[in-house]
Amino acid sequence: MDNNQVVQPPSPASVQEAPIQQLSMQQVPPRSKKPIIVVAVIIVVILLIVFAAVFFVIPKNNSQISNIPTPTLVAPTLSATGAPISPSISAAIELTLEKGRQIDIPNSDVKILYVGADIPNPNCIDCSTTTDISLEQKGIEKKLQYLCGGIAGACTDKLVGFGFQIELVNANETSATVKILKQ
């Protein structure tokens, strides 16, 4: 060998390029999407359980309302002398009826049913409102139809059936309130 030849060390640029090129040539394996899908499914299941608990398991305040109507006693109507108008009427029972639900009139074998109401448009001047209530005793049915309005504007609010005077106090599409007097 010649002593005149000098071996030069590799330049810093050539040393750094080799590892960078090797790294860029390597392929990074793609990440699996399975953990993301598993986490998403777990979150959805937890949300479904929470919503089910809120809507089905936890009782609502209005679900404790009893469906059994409670009769209330109303004082009888008195004449100018202070005596009851009819000697046989001692007290009235006030009931709130649900549409389509038949209930027994207390202390009798008569059943009462609110059939429904035909309530016209409030802007109609000469239309009439009809409310239908049905009484049943021993398989015999009697329909009571209350009318209010029309050209005359008069209202029929008291009808008689099976020995009871039924007065319509209030009615809408889902319920009606009546006062029941024994005759």
N, C-alpha and C. Protein backbone atom coordinates (compact mmCIF):
# COMPACT_ATOMS: atom_id res chain seq x y z
N MET A 1 0.80 -1.16 0.00
CA MET A 1 0.00 0.00 0.00
C MET A 1 0.85 1.24 0.00
N ASP A 2 0.24 2.14 -0.54
CA ASP A 2 0.92 3.40 -0.66
C ASP A 2 0.65 4.24 0.56
N ASN A 3 1.68 4.79 1.08
CA ASN A 3 1.47 5.64 2.25
C ASN A 3 0.92 6.98 1.85
N ASN A 4 0.97 7.20 0.61
CA ASN A 4 0.50 8.50 0.16
C ASN A 4 -1.03 8.56 0.14
N GLN A 5 -1.66 7.46 0.09
CA GLN A 5 -3.13 7.50 0.04
C GLN A 5 -3.68 7.71 1.43
N VAL A 6 -4.55 8.62 1.48
CA VAL A 6 -5.17 8.95 2.76
C VAL A 6 -6.62 8.47 2.68
N VAL A 7 -7.00 7.78 3.69
CA VAL A 7 -8.37 7.28 3.75
C VAL A 7 -9.22 8.35 4.41
N GLN A 8 -10.20 8.70 3.71
CA GLN A 8 -11.07 9.75 4.24
C GLN A 8 -12.27 9.11 4.96
N PRO A 9 -12.59 9.66 6.08
CA PRO A 9 -13.76 9.14 6.79
C PRO A 9 -15.03 9.49 6.02
N PRO A 10 -16.07 8.71 6.20
CA PRO A 10 -17.30 9.01 5.47
C PRO A 10 -17.89 10.34 5.94
N SER A 11 -18.49 11.01 5.00
CA SER A 11 -19.07 12.32 5.33
C SER A 11 -20.30 12.12 6.21
N PRO A 12 -20.58 13.10 7.06
CA PRO A 12 -21.74 12.96 7.95
C PRO A 12 -23.05 12.85 7.18
N ALA A 13 -23.19 13.47 6.04
CA ALA A 13 -24.43 13.43 5.27
C ALA A 13 -24.68 12.03 4.75
N SER A 14 -23.66 11.34 4.32
CA SER A 14 -23.86 10.00 3.79
C SER A 14 -24.18 9.00 4.89
N VAL A 15 -23.69 9.27 6.11
CA VAL A 15 -23.97 8.37 7.24
C VAL A 15 -25.44 8.51 7.66
N GLN A 16 -25.94 9.73 7.67
CA GLN A 16 -27.32 9.94 8.11
C GLN A 16 -28.34 9.50 7.07
N GLU A 17 -28.01 9.56 5.82
CA GLU A 17 -28.97 9.21 4.78
C GLU A 17 -29.30 7.72 4.79
N ALA A 18 -28.39 6.92 5.08
CA ALA A 18 -28.63 5.48 5.02
C ALA A 18 -29.71 5.03 5.99
N PRO A 19 -29.64 5.39 7.31
CA PRO A 19 -30.71 4.92 8.19
C PRO A 19 -32.07 5.53 7.84
N ILE A 20 -32.11 6.79 7.39
CA ILE A 20 -33.39 7.42 7.05
C ILE A 20 -34.01 6.71 5.87
N GLN A 21 -33.21 6.39 4.89
CA GLN A 21 -33.73 5.69 3.73
C GLN A 21 -34.24 4.30 4.13
N GLN A 22 -33.53 3.65 5.04
CA GLN A 22 -33.96 2.33 5.47
C GLN A 22 -35.30 2.41 6.21
N LEU A 23 -35.50 3.44 7.04
CA LEU A 23 -36.75 3.58 7.78
C LEU A 23 -37.90 3.88 6.84
N SER A 24 -37.68 4.74 5.85
CA SER A 24 -38.76 5.09 4.95
C SER A 24 -39.14 3.93 4.06
N MET A 25 -38.24 3.02 3.84
CA MET A 25 -38.52 1.87 3.00
C MET A 25 -39.34 0.82 3.76
N GLN A 26 -39.24 0.82 5.09
CA GLN A 26 -39.98 -0.17 5.86
C GLN A 26 -41.46 0.21 5.86
N GLN A 27 -42.33 -0.78 5.78
CA GLN A 27 -43.76 -0.53 5.81
C GLN A 27 -44.26 -0.69 7.24
N VAL A 28 -45.07 0.30 7.66
CA VAL A 28 -45.66 0.25 8.99
C VAL A 28 -46.93 -0.57 8.87
N PRO A 29 -47.12 -1.59 9.71
CA PRO A 29 -48.33 -2.41 9.60
C PRO A 29 -49.57 -1.58 9.94
N PRO A 30 -50.70 -1.76 9.20
CA PRO A 30 -51.91 -0.97 9.50
C PRO A 30 -52.47 -1.34 10.87
N ARG A 31 -53.07 -0.32 11.54
CA ARG A 31 -53.66 -0.56 12.86
C ARG A 31 -54.98 -1.29 12.71
N SER A 32 -55.27 -2.14 13.63
CA SER A 32 -56.51 -2.89 13.61
C SER A 32 -57.63 -2.00 14.12
N LYS A 33 -58.82 -2.07 13.49
CA LYS A 33 -59.97 -1.26 13.89
C LYS A 33 -60.84 -1.99 14.90
N LYS A 34 -60.45 -3.19 15.26
CA LYS A 34 -61.26 -3.98 16.19
C LYS A 34 -61.40 -3.33 17.55
N PRO A 35 -60.35 -2.76 18.16
CA PRO A 35 -60.56 -2.14 19.48
C PRO A 35 -61.52 -0.96 19.42
N ILE A 36 -61.51 -0.19 18.37
CA ILE A 36 -62.42 0.96 18.25
C ILE A 36 -63.86 0.47 18.15
N ILE A 37 -64.08 -0.57 17.37
CA ILE A 37 -65.43 -1.11 17.21
C ILE A 37 -65.93 -1.69 18.53
N VAL A 38 -65.09 -2.37 19.26
CA VAL A 38 -65.47 -2.96 20.54
C VAL A 38 -65.86 -1.87 21.53
N VAL A 39 -65.09 -0.80 21.58
CA VAL A 39 -65.40 0.31 22.50
C VAL A 39 -66.72 0.96 22.10
N ALA A 40 -66.97 1.15 20.81
CA ALA A 40 -68.22 1.75 20.36
C ALA A 40 -69.41 0.87 20.72
N VAL A 41 -69.29 -0.42 20.56
CA VAL A 41 -70.38 -1.34 20.90
C VAL A 41 -70.66 -1.30 22.41
N ILE A 42 -69.63 -1.26 23.21
CA ILE A 42 -69.80 -1.19 24.67
C ILE A 42 -70.52 0.08 25.06
N ILE A 43 -70.17 1.21 24.46
CA ILE A 43 -70.83 2.49 24.77
C ILE A 43 -72.30 2.44 24.37
N VAL A 44 -72.61 1.88 23.20
CA VAL A 44 -74.01 1.80 22.76
C VAL A 44 -74.81 0.91 23.70
N VAL A 45 -74.25 -0.21 24.13
CA VAL A 45 -74.97 -1.11 25.05
C VAL A 45 -75.23 -0.42 26.39
N ILE A 46 -74.27 0.32 26.89
CA ILE A 46 -74.45 1.03 28.15
C ILE A 46 -75.54 2.09 28.02
N LEU A 47 -75.56 2.83 26.90
CA LEU A 47 -76.60 3.83 26.69
C LEU A 47 -77.98 3.19 26.58
N LEU A 48 -78.08 2.06 25.92
CA LEU A 48 -79.37 1.36 25.84
C LEU A 48 -79.86 0.92 27.21
N ILE A 49 -78.97 0.43 28.04
CA ILE A 49 -79.35 0.01 29.39
C ILE A 49 -79.82 1.20 30.21
N VAL A 50 -79.13 2.33 30.10
CA VAL A 50 -79.52 3.54 30.85
C VAL A 50 -80.89 4.03 30.39
N PHE A 51 -81.11 4.10 29.06
CA PHE A 51 -82.42 4.55 28.57
C PHE A 51 -83.52 3.59 28.96
N ALA A 52 -83.27 2.30 28.93
CA ALA A 52 -84.29 1.34 29.34
C ALA A 52 -84.63 1.52 30.81
N ALA A 53 -83.64 1.77 31.63
CA ALA A 53 -83.89 1.99 33.06
C ALA A 53 -84.71 3.25 33.28
N VAL A 54 -84.42 4.29 32.54
CA VAL A 54 -85.15 5.55 32.72
C VAL A 54 -86.60 5.41 32.30
N PHE A 55 -86.86 4.75 31.17
CA PHE A 55 -88.22 4.71 30.65
C PHE A 55 -89.06 3.54 31.15
N PHE A 56 -88.46 2.43 31.55
CA PHE A 56 -89.25 1.27 31.90
C PHE A 56 -89.14 0.83 33.36
N VAL A 57 -88.02 1.04 33.98
CA VAL A 57 -87.81 0.52 35.32
C VAL A 57 -88.19 1.55 36.38
N ILE A 58 -87.76 2.79 36.20
CA ILE A 58 -88.05 3.83 37.18
C ILE A 58 -89.52 4.22 37.04
N PRO A 59 -90.32 4.08 38.09
CA PRO A 59 -91.75 4.41 37.97
C PRO A 59 -91.95 5.90 37.80
N LYS A 60 -92.97 6.23 37.02
CA LYS A 60 -93.31 7.63 36.80
C LYS A 60 -94.31 8.07 37.87
N ASN A 61 -94.38 9.36 38.14
CA ASN A 61 -95.28 9.89 39.17
C ASN A 61 -96.74 9.66 38.79
N ASN A 62 -97.10 9.84 37.49
CA ASN A 62 -98.50 9.71 37.12
C ASN A 62 -98.93 8.26 36.97
N SER A 63 -98.01 7.29 37.07
CA SER A 63 -98.42 5.89 36.97
C SER A 63 -99.05 5.39 38.25
N GLN A 64 -98.98 6.15 39.32
CA GLN A 64 -99.54 5.73 40.58
C GLN A 64 -100.97 6.23 40.77
N ILE A 65 -101.51 6.91 39.76
CA ILE A 65 -102.88 7.39 39.84
C ILE A 65 -103.83 6.20 39.71
N SER A 66 -104.77 6.11 40.59
CA SER A 66 -105.70 4.99 40.59
C SER A 66 -106.73 5.17 39.48
N ASN A 67 -107.11 4.08 38.83
CA ASN A 67 -108.12 4.12 37.79
C ASN A 67 -109.52 3.95 38.34
N ILE A 68 -109.65 3.77 39.63
CA ILE A 68 -110.95 3.58 40.26
C ILE A 68 -111.54 4.94 40.60
N PRO A 69 -112.68 5.29 40.03
CA PRO A 69 -113.27 6.58 40.35
C PRO A 69 -113.78 6.59 41.78
N THR A 70 -113.62 7.70 42.45
CA THR A 70 -114.09 7.82 43.82
C THR A 70 -115.31 8.73 43.83
N PRO A 71 -116.44 8.21 44.25
CA PRO A 71 -117.63 9.04 44.29
C PRO A 71 -117.53 10.09 45.39
N THR A 72 -118.08 11.26 45.11
CA THR A 72 -118.11 12.32 46.11
C THR A 72 -119.57 12.69 46.36
N LEU A 73 -119.87 12.99 47.57
CA LEU A 73 -121.24 13.37 47.92
C LEU A 73 -121.41 14.87 47.77
N VAL A 74 -122.54 15.25 47.19
CA VAL A 74 -122.87 16.65 46.98
C VAL A 74 -124.16 16.92 47.74
N ALA A 75 -124.21 18.06 48.38
CA ALA A 75 -125.40 18.40 49.16
C ALA A 75 -126.61 18.52 48.23
N PRO A 76 -127.77 18.08 48.68
CA PRO A 76 -128.97 18.17 47.84
C PRO A 76 -129.39 19.63 47.64
N THR A 77 -130.09 19.87 46.54
CA THR A 77 -130.60 21.21 46.25
C THR A 77 -131.81 21.47 47.15
N LEU A 78 -131.85 22.65 47.73
CA LEU A 78 -132.93 23.00 48.65
C LEU A 78 -133.86 24.02 48.02
N SER A 79 -135.12 23.98 48.41
CA SER A 79 -136.09 24.96 47.92
C SER A 79 -136.00 26.22 48.78
N ALA A 80 -136.85 27.20 48.49
CA ALA A 80 -136.84 28.46 49.24
C ALA A 80 -137.18 28.24 50.71
N THR A 81 -137.92 27.19 51.03
CA THR A 81 -138.29 26.93 52.42
C THR A 81 -137.21 26.18 53.17
N GLY A 82 -136.19 25.72 52.47
CA GLY A 82 -135.11 24.98 53.12
C GLY A 82 -135.28 23.48 53.05
N ALA A 83 -136.41 23.00 52.49
CA ALA A 83 -136.64 21.57 52.36
C ALA A 83 -136.07 21.08 51.03
N PRO A 84 -135.68 19.81 50.99
CA PRO A 84 -135.19 19.30 49.70
C PRO A 84 -136.28 19.40 48.64
N ILE A 85 -135.87 19.62 47.39
CA ILE A 85 -136.84 19.76 46.30
C ILE A 85 -137.64 18.48 46.15
N SER A 86 -136.99 17.35 46.21
CA SER A 86 -137.69 16.07 46.14
C SER A 86 -137.41 15.34 47.45
N PRO A 87 -138.43 14.86 48.12
CA PRO A 87 -138.19 14.21 49.40
C PRO A 87 -137.36 12.93 49.27
N SER A 88 -137.32 12.31 48.07
CA SER A 88 -136.57 11.07 47.93
C SER A 88 -135.08 11.31 47.66
N ILE A 89 -134.71 12.54 47.33
CA ILE A 89 -133.31 12.84 47.03
C ILE A 89 -132.61 13.25 48.32
N SER A 90 -131.63 12.47 48.71
CA SER A 90 -130.91 12.82 49.93
C SER A 90 -129.53 13.36 49.61
N ALA A 91 -128.87 12.85 48.60
CA ALA A 91 -127.54 13.33 48.25
C ALA A 91 -127.22 12.91 46.82
N ALA A 92 -126.36 13.66 46.19
CA ALA A 92 -125.93 13.35 44.82
C ALA A 92 -124.53 12.74 44.86
N ILE A 93 -124.29 11.87 43.91
CA ILE A 93 -122.96 11.28 43.76
C ILE A 93 -122.36 11.88 42.50
N GLU A 94 -121.16 12.39 42.61
CA GLU A 94 -120.47 12.96 41.45
C GLU A 94 -119.39 11.99 41.00
N LEU A 95 -119.44 11.61 39.73
CA LEU A 95 -118.48 10.67 39.17
C LEU A 95 -117.80 11.28 37.95
N THR A 96 -116.54 10.95 37.77
CA THR A 96 -115.83 11.29 36.54
C THR A 96 -115.70 9.99 35.76
N LEU A 97 -116.26 9.99 34.55
CA LEU A 97 -116.29 8.79 33.71
C LEU A 97 -115.23 8.91 32.63
N GLU A 98 -114.55 7.80 32.36
CA GLU A 98 -113.60 7.73 31.26
C GLU A 98 -114.32 7.14 30.05
N LYS A 99 -114.02 7.66 28.88
CA LYS A 99 -114.67 7.21 27.66
C LYS A 99 -114.42 5.71 27.45
N GLY A 100 -115.52 4.96 27.23
CA GLY A 100 -115.42 3.54 26.94
C GLY A 100 -115.26 2.64 28.14
N ARG A 101 -115.25 3.19 29.34
CA ARG A 101 -115.04 2.38 30.56
C ARG A 101 -116.33 2.38 31.39
N GLN A 102 -116.95 1.23 31.52
CA GLN A 102 -118.21 1.10 32.24
C GLN A 102 -117.93 0.90 33.73
N ILE A 103 -118.66 1.64 34.57
CA ILE A 103 -118.50 1.48 36.02
C ILE A 103 -119.88 1.33 36.66
N ASP A 104 -119.89 0.79 37.86
CA ASP A 104 -121.13 0.62 38.62
C ASP A 104 -121.48 1.90 39.35
N ILE A 105 -122.76 2.24 39.35
CA ILE A 105 -123.23 3.33 40.20
C ILE A 105 -123.28 2.76 41.61
N PRO A 106 -122.65 3.43 42.58
CA PRO A 106 -122.60 2.88 43.94
C PRO A 106 -124.00 2.57 44.51
N ASN A 107 -124.08 1.48 45.24
CA ASN A 107 -125.30 1.01 45.91
C ASN A 107 -126.46 0.75 44.95
N SER A 108 -126.14 0.25 43.75
CA SER A 108 -127.20 -0.09 42.80
C SER A 108 -126.68 -1.17 41.85
N ASP A 109 -127.60 -1.69 41.04
CA ASP A 109 -127.20 -2.67 40.03
C ASP A 109 -127.14 -2.03 38.64
N VAL A 110 -127.04 -0.73 38.60
CA VAL A 110 -126.99 0.01 37.33
C VAL A 110 -125.53 0.36 37.03
N LYS A 111 -125.17 0.17 35.75
CA LYS A 111 -123.83 0.53 35.29
C LYS A 111 -123.94 1.73 34.37
N ILE A 112 -122.92 2.58 34.39
CA ILE A 112 -122.92 3.78 33.57
C ILE A 112 -121.67 3.77 32.69
N LEU A 113 -121.84 4.27 31.46
CA LEU A 113 -120.76 4.27 30.48
C LEU A 113 -120.76 5.60 29.73
N TYR A 114 -119.62 6.24 29.66
CA TYR A 114 -119.48 7.44 28.83
C TYR A 114 -119.12 6.99 27.42
N VAL A 115 -120.04 7.18 26.49
CA VAL A 115 -119.87 6.73 25.11
C VAL A 115 -118.99 7.71 24.34
N GLY A 116 -119.24 9.01 24.50
CA GLY A 116 -118.42 10.00 23.81
C GLY A 116 -119.17 11.29 23.59
N ALA A 117 -118.47 12.26 23.04
CA ALA A 117 -119.04 13.57 22.77
C ALA A 117 -118.70 13.99 21.35
N ASP A 118 -119.66 14.66 20.72
CA ASP A 118 -119.44 15.23 19.39
C ASP A 118 -119.35 16.74 19.60
N ILE A 119 -118.12 17.22 19.64
CA ILE A 119 -117.89 18.65 19.92
C ILE A 119 -117.57 19.34 18.61
N PRO A 120 -118.41 20.28 18.17
CA PRO A 120 -118.17 20.95 16.89
C PRO A 120 -117.06 22.00 17.00
N ASN A 121 -116.72 22.56 15.87
CA ASN A 121 -115.75 23.64 15.80
C ASN A 121 -116.23 24.81 16.65
N PRO A 122 -115.38 25.38 17.50
CA PRO A 122 -115.83 26.48 18.36
C PRO A 122 -116.26 27.73 17.59
N ASN A 123 -115.89 27.85 16.33
CA ASN A 123 -116.27 29.02 15.53
C ASN A 123 -117.67 28.87 14.93
N CYS A 124 -118.27 27.70 15.05
CA CYS A 124 -119.61 27.47 14.50
C CYS A 124 -120.63 28.09 15.45
N ILE A 125 -121.45 28.99 14.92
CA ILE A 125 -122.40 29.73 15.76
C ILE A 125 -123.63 28.89 16.11
N ASP A 126 -124.19 28.15 15.13
CA ASP A 126 -125.43 27.44 15.40
C ASP A 126 -125.24 25.92 15.50
N CYS A 127 -124.02 25.45 15.70
CA CYS A 127 -123.77 24.01 15.88
C CYS A 127 -124.11 23.59 17.31
N SER A 128 -124.44 22.33 17.46
CA SER A 128 -124.76 21.83 18.80
C SER A 128 -123.78 20.73 19.19
N THR A 129 -123.55 20.64 20.48
CA THR A 129 -122.70 19.61 21.05
C THR A 129 -123.59 18.49 21.56
N THR A 130 -123.24 17.25 21.22
CA THR A 130 -123.98 16.11 21.76
C THR A 130 -123.04 15.25 22.58
N THR A 131 -123.53 14.81 23.72
CA THR A 131 -122.77 13.93 24.60
C THR A 131 -123.63 12.71 24.89
N ASP A 132 -123.06 11.52 24.71
CA ASP A 132 -123.81 10.28 24.88
C ASP A 132 -123.32 9.51 26.10
N ILE A 133 -124.27 9.13 26.95
CA ILE A 133 -124.00 8.31 28.12
C ILE A 133 -124.99 7.15 28.08
N SER A 134 -124.54 5.97 28.47
CA SER A 134 -125.38 4.78 28.43
C SER A 134 -125.52 4.21 29.84
N LEU A 135 -126.75 3.82 30.18
CA LEU A 135 -127.03 3.15 31.45
C LEU A 135 -127.42 1.71 31.13
N GLU A 136 -127.01 0.78 31.99
CA GLU A 136 -127.37 -0.63 31.79
C GLU A 136 -127.79 -1.23 33.12
N GLN A 137 -128.94 -1.92 33.09
CA GLN A 137 -129.44 -2.61 34.27
C GLN A 137 -129.99 -3.96 33.83
N LYS A 138 -129.41 -5.04 34.35
CA LYS A 138 -129.84 -6.41 34.06
C LYS A 138 -129.91 -6.67 32.55
N GLY A 139 -128.92 -6.22 31.82
CA GLY A 139 -128.85 -6.47 30.38
C GLY A 139 -129.67 -5.51 29.53
N ILE A 140 -130.45 -4.64 30.14
CA ILE A 140 -131.24 -3.66 29.39
C ILE A 140 -130.46 -2.35 29.37
N GLU A 141 -130.34 -1.79 28.18
CA GLU A 141 -129.54 -0.57 28.01
C GLU A 141 -130.43 0.61 27.66
N LYS A 142 -130.11 1.76 28.25
CA LYS A 142 -130.82 3.00 27.93
C LYS A 142 -129.77 4.06 27.61
N LYS A 143 -129.93 4.67 26.43
CA LYS A 143 -128.98 5.70 26.00
C LYS A 143 -129.54 7.07 26.35
N LEU A 144 -128.67 7.88 26.94
CA LEU A 144 -129.01 9.26 27.26
C LEU A 144 -128.18 10.17 26.37
N GLN A 145 -128.86 11.08 25.67
CA GLN A 145 -128.13 11.99 24.79
C GLN A 145 -128.39 13.43 25.24
N TYR A 146 -127.30 14.08 25.62
CA TYR A 146 -127.35 15.46 26.10
C TYR A 146 -127.02 16.38 24.93
N LEU A 147 -127.83 17.42 24.74
CA LEU A 147 -127.64 18.38 23.66
C LEU A 147 -127.40 19.76 24.25
N CYS A 148 -126.52 20.51 23.59
CA CYS A 148 -126.28 21.88 24.04
C CYS A 148 -125.90 22.71 22.82
N GLY A 149 -126.50 23.90 22.73
CA GLY A 149 -126.17 24.82 21.64
C GLY A 149 -127.23 24.82 20.57
N GLY A 150 -126.81 25.05 19.34
CA GLY A 150 -127.74 25.15 18.23
C GLY A 150 -128.30 26.56 18.15
N ILE A 151 -129.33 26.73 17.35
CA ILE A 151 -129.91 28.07 17.14
C ILE A 151 -130.53 28.60 18.42
N ALA A 152 -131.24 27.75 19.16
CA ALA A 152 -131.88 28.19 20.40
C ALA A 152 -130.85 28.39 21.51
N GLY A 153 -129.75 27.68 21.48
CA GLY A 153 -128.72 27.81 22.51
C GLY A 153 -129.06 27.12 23.81
N ALA A 154 -130.16 26.37 23.84
CA ALA A 154 -130.57 25.70 25.08
C ALA A 154 -129.76 24.43 25.28
N CYS A 155 -129.64 24.03 26.53
CA CYS A 155 -128.88 22.82 26.86
C CYS A 155 -129.75 21.85 27.63
N THR A 156 -129.69 20.59 27.25
CA THR A 156 -130.30 19.52 28.02
C THR A 156 -129.19 18.94 28.87
N ASP A 157 -129.25 19.16 30.18
CA ASP A 157 -128.17 18.67 31.02
C ASP A 157 -128.63 17.67 32.08
N LYS A 158 -129.95 17.40 32.16
CA LYS A 158 -130.46 16.42 33.12
C LYS A 158 -131.39 15.47 32.39
N LEU A 159 -131.08 14.16 32.50
CA LEU A 159 -131.94 13.12 31.93
C LEU A 159 -132.15 12.03 32.98
N VAL A 160 -133.20 11.24 32.82
CA VAL A 160 -133.56 10.22 33.79
C VAL A 160 -133.50 8.84 33.15
N GLY A 161 -133.00 7.87 33.93
CA GLY A 161 -132.98 6.49 33.47
C GLY A 161 -132.80 5.54 34.64
N PHE A 162 -133.62 4.48 34.68
CA PHE A 162 -133.57 3.44 35.71
C PHE A 162 -133.65 4.01 37.13
N GLY A 163 -134.46 5.04 37.32
CA GLY A 163 -134.65 5.62 38.64
C GLY A 163 -133.55 6.56 39.09
N PHE A 164 -132.69 6.98 38.19
CA PHE A 164 -131.63 7.94 38.50
C PHE A 164 -131.75 9.15 37.60
N GLN A 165 -131.52 10.30 38.20
CA GLN A 165 -131.42 11.53 37.42
C GLN A 165 -129.92 11.78 37.20
N ILE A 166 -129.50 11.80 35.94
CA ILE A 166 -128.10 11.97 35.60
C ILE A 166 -127.93 13.38 35.04
N GLU A 167 -127.14 14.18 35.74
CA GLU A 167 -126.87 15.55 35.31
C GLU A 167 -125.45 15.61 34.74
N LEU A 168 -125.34 16.10 33.52
CA LEU A 168 -124.04 16.25 32.88
C LEU A 168 -123.42 17.56 33.36
N VAL A 169 -122.30 17.46 34.07
CA VAL A 169 -121.63 18.65 34.61
C VAL A 169 -120.61 19.18 33.61
N ASN A 170 -119.82 18.26 33.06
CA ASN A 170 -118.74 18.66 32.15
C ASN A 170 -118.40 17.47 31.27
N ALA A 171 -118.01 17.73 30.02
CA ALA A 171 -117.60 16.64 29.13
C ALA A 171 -116.57 17.13 28.14
N ASN A 172 -115.65 16.26 27.80
CA ASN A 172 -114.71 16.51 26.71
C ASN A 172 -114.57 15.22 25.92
N GLU A 173 -113.57 15.11 25.07
CA GLU A 173 -113.46 13.93 24.22
C GLU A 173 -113.03 12.67 24.96
N THR A 174 -112.42 12.80 26.14
CA THR A 174 -111.92 11.62 26.84
C THR A 174 -112.64 11.32 28.15
N SER A 175 -113.31 12.30 28.74
CA SER A 175 -113.97 12.05 30.03
C SER A 175 -115.18 12.95 30.20
N ALA A 176 -116.04 12.56 31.14
CA ALA A 176 -117.23 13.35 31.47
C ALA A 176 -117.45 13.29 32.97
N THR A 177 -117.95 14.37 33.51
CA THR A 177 -118.29 14.43 34.94
C THR A 177 -119.81 14.52 35.04
N VAL A 178 -120.40 13.66 35.87
CA VAL A 178 -121.84 13.63 36.05
C VAL A 178 -122.18 13.65 37.54
N LYS A 179 -123.38 14.18 37.84
CA LYS A 179 -123.97 14.08 39.17
C LYS A 179 -125.15 13.13 39.05
N ILE A 180 -125.19 12.16 39.97
CA ILE A 180 -126.22 11.14 39.93
C ILE A 180 -127.10 11.27 41.17
N LEU A 181 -128.41 11.44 40.94
CA LEU A 181 -129.36 11.55 42.03
C LEU A 181 -130.34 10.37 41.94
N LYS A 182 -130.59 9.74 43.06
CA LYS A 182 -131.57 8.66 43.12
C LYS A 182 -132.95 9.31 43.22
N GLN A 183 -133.88 8.85 42.36
CA GLN A 183 -135.24 9.43 42.39
C GLN A 183 -136.16 8.56 43.20
